[in-house]
Amino acid sequence: MQNSLTSTEIESSRPSRKDYFVKPKDPDYSYQDGVWNQIGGIAKATAKSILGFSIAYLHHRYDEPKQTPVFHEEMWAVCSTSHTKVALAAPRGHAKSTAITFTYALFLLLTRRSQHMLIISSNEELASAFLKDIKIELQEN
């Protein structure tokens, strides 16, 4: 006799969409609330290295420097996993482009973890601006 699940049982065993997202602006937020506890040690260490790199070498470039949000460390850790395709989403104003297109890209290039970089944006001007920022940082810092 086979153990077959009904479609209702299958749906109820799947995580809900809310299980995949981090709580917004919760003052009691900790790593355990997000994806941090599902990420391997090497990716976590890489994220901490990127944090140190950002504070040491890039902090002066930010408009209004603040403490790096936990969310950025989580994004860096997710991008540092062995997954070849990663999708990140967050509301406007969460510095996704600064954290990934600028900081993460520079870290990969300077630590020689990547020899090539492809920047895709909503339009050519925006992608060119990101590339220009990286070029200026390489020339001036």
Protein backbone atom coordinates (compact mmCIF):
# COMPACT_ATOMS: atom_id res chain seq x y z
CA MET A 1 0.00 0.00 0.00
CA GLN A 2 1.42 3.37 -1.06
CA ASN A 3 1.59 6.40 1.17
CA SER A 4 0.27 9.15 -1.07
CA LEU A 5 -0.40 12.66 0.10
CA THR A 6 -3.41 14.64 -0.92
CA SER A 7 -2.92 18.03 -2.52
CA THR A 8 -4.18 19.65 0.72
CA GLU A 9 -1.52 17.83 2.75
CA ILE A 10 1.18 18.84 0.28
CA GLU A 11 0.12 22.51 0.39
CA SER A 12 0.00 22.53 4.20
CA SER A 13 3.52 21.06 4.43
CA ARG A 14 5.05 23.80 2.28
CA PRO A 15 6.40 26.90 3.99
CA SER A 16 4.20 29.93 3.48
CA ARG A 17 5.50 32.96 1.63
CA LYS A 18 5.91 34.86 4.89
CA ASP A 19 8.46 32.25 6.02
CA TYR A 20 10.86 33.44 3.30
CA PHE A 21 10.96 37.12 4.21
CA VAL A 22 12.63 39.10 6.95
CA LYS A 23 10.46 41.06 9.35
CA PRO A 24 10.39 44.76 8.40
CA LYS A 25 11.94 47.28 10.82
CA ASP A 26 11.52 45.18 13.94
CA PRO A 27 13.70 46.62 16.73
CA ASP A 28 14.07 43.12 18.20
CA TYR A 29 15.32 41.69 14.89
CA SER A 30 18.23 39.28 15.14
CA TYR A 31 20.07 36.95 12.78
CA GLN A 32 17.88 34.06 13.87
CA ASP A 33 14.79 35.77 12.42
CA GLY A 34 16.13 35.93 8.86
CA VAL A 35 17.93 33.57 6.54
CA TRP A 36 21.18 33.75 8.51
CA ASN A 37 20.57 30.45 10.35
CA GLN A 38 20.13 28.63 7.02
CA ILE A 39 23.44 29.76 5.52
CA GLY A 40 26.69 27.81 5.71
CA GLY A 41 29.79 28.88 7.63
CA ILE A 42 31.90 29.85 4.62
CA ALA A 43 29.20 32.18 3.28
CA LYS A 44 28.81 33.73 6.73
CA ALA A 45 32.56 34.28 7.00
CA THR A 46 32.61 35.85 3.54
CA ALA A 47 29.77 38.19 4.55
CA LYS A 48 31.76 39.25 7.63
CA SER A 49 34.82 39.84 5.41
CA ILE A 50 32.73 42.02 3.10
CA LEU A 51 31.47 43.94 6.12
CA GLY A 52 35.03 44.59 7.26
CA PHE A 53 36.05 45.58 3.73
CA SER A 54 33.11 47.98 3.49
CA ILE A 55 33.86 49.64 6.83
CA ALA A 56 37.61 49.88 6.24
CA TYR A 57 37.68 51.04 2.62
CA LEU A 58 34.27 52.29 1.48
CA HIS A 59 32.67 53.95 4.48
CA HIS A 60 33.86 57.41 3.39
CA ARG A 61 31.96 57.15 0.07
CA TYR A 62 28.51 56.76 1.58
CA ASP A 63 26.30 59.86 1.70
CA GLU A 64 25.17 59.45 5.29
CA PRO A 65 27.23 56.63 6.81
CA LYS A 66 25.30 54.52 9.29
CA GLN A 67 25.89 51.17 10.91
CA THR A 68 25.64 48.45 8.27
CA PRO A 69 22.24 46.77 8.57
CA VAL A 70 22.02 43.05 9.29
CA PHE A 71 20.06 42.81 6.05
CA HIS A 72 23.20 43.66 4.05
CA GLU A 73 25.21 40.93 5.75
CA GLU A 74 22.44 38.48 4.92
CA MET A 75 22.44 39.57 1.27
CA TRP A 76 26.22 39.17 1.07
CA ALA A 77 25.99 35.74 2.69
CA VAL A 78 23.24 34.60 0.31
CA CYS A 79 25.28 35.81 -2.67
CA SER A 80 28.33 33.98 -1.27
CA THR A 81 26.65 30.57 -1.15
CA SER A 82 27.26 27.96 -3.83
CA HIS A 83 23.92 28.76 -5.49
CA THR A 84 24.48 29.99 -9.03
CA LYS A 85 21.24 31.97 -9.17
CA VAL A 86 20.19 34.23 -6.33
CA ALA A 87 17.30 36.69 -6.24
CA LEU A 88 17.16 39.48 -3.68
CA ALA A 89 14.26 41.82 -3.05
CA ALA A 90 13.75 44.69 -0.66
CA PRO A 91 11.82 47.96 -0.70
CA ARG A 92 13.28 51.15 -2.12
CA GLY A 93 15.78 52.89 0.08
CA HIS A 94 17.37 49.76 1.54
CA ALA A 95 20.68 50.38 -0.31
CA LYS A 96 20.53 47.15 -2.32
CA SER A 97 22.56 48.65 -5.16
CA THR A 98 25.16 50.03 -2.78
CA ALA A 99 25.47 46.70 -0.97
CA ILE A 100 25.51 44.42 -4.01
CA THR A 101 26.37 46.34 -7.20
CA PHE A 102 29.04 48.44 -5.51
CA THR A 103 30.39 46.82 -2.33
CA TYR A 104 29.95 43.14 -3.21
CA ALA A 105 31.18 43.64 -6.78
CA LEU A 106 34.31 45.50 -5.61
CA PHE A 107 35.01 42.84 -3.00
CA LEU A 108 34.78 40.06 -5.60
CA LEU A 109 37.05 41.89 -8.02
CA LEU A 110 39.66 42.94 -5.46
CA THR A 111 39.86 39.53 -3.80
CA ARG A 112 40.05 37.94 -7.25
CA ARG A 113 37.04 35.74 -6.63
CA SER A 114 35.71 36.98 -9.94
CA GLN A 115 37.62 38.11 -13.00
CA HIS A 116 34.62 39.48 -14.89
CA MET A 117 31.63 41.53 -13.84
CA LEU A 118 28.38 42.08 -15.70
CA ILE A 119 26.21 44.90 -14.44
CA ILE A 120 22.62 44.86 -15.61
CA SER A 121 20.24 47.60 -14.59
CA SER A 122 16.89 49.03 -15.63
CA ASN A 123 18.64 51.17 -18.27
CA GLU A 124 22.06 51.70 -19.78
CA GLU A 125 22.65 55.02 -18.01
CA LEU A 126 22.13 53.51 -14.57
CA ALA A 127 24.41 50.54 -15.33
CA SER A 128 27.05 52.95 -16.65
CA ALA A 129 26.78 55.03 -13.48
CA PHE A 130 27.38 51.93 -11.33
CA LEU A 131 30.41 51.05 -13.45
CA LYS A 132 31.70 54.63 -13.21
CA ASP A 133 31.44 54.51 -9.39
CA ILE A 134 33.46 51.28 -9.33
CA LYS A 135 36.06 52.74 -11.68
CA ILE A 136 36.43 55.90 -9.54
CA GLU A 137 36.82 53.83 -6.40
CA LEU A 138 39.53 51.71 -8.00
CA GLN A 139 41.39 54.80 -9.19
CA GLU A 140 41.09 56.91 -6.06
CA ASN A 141 41.18 54.49 -3.16
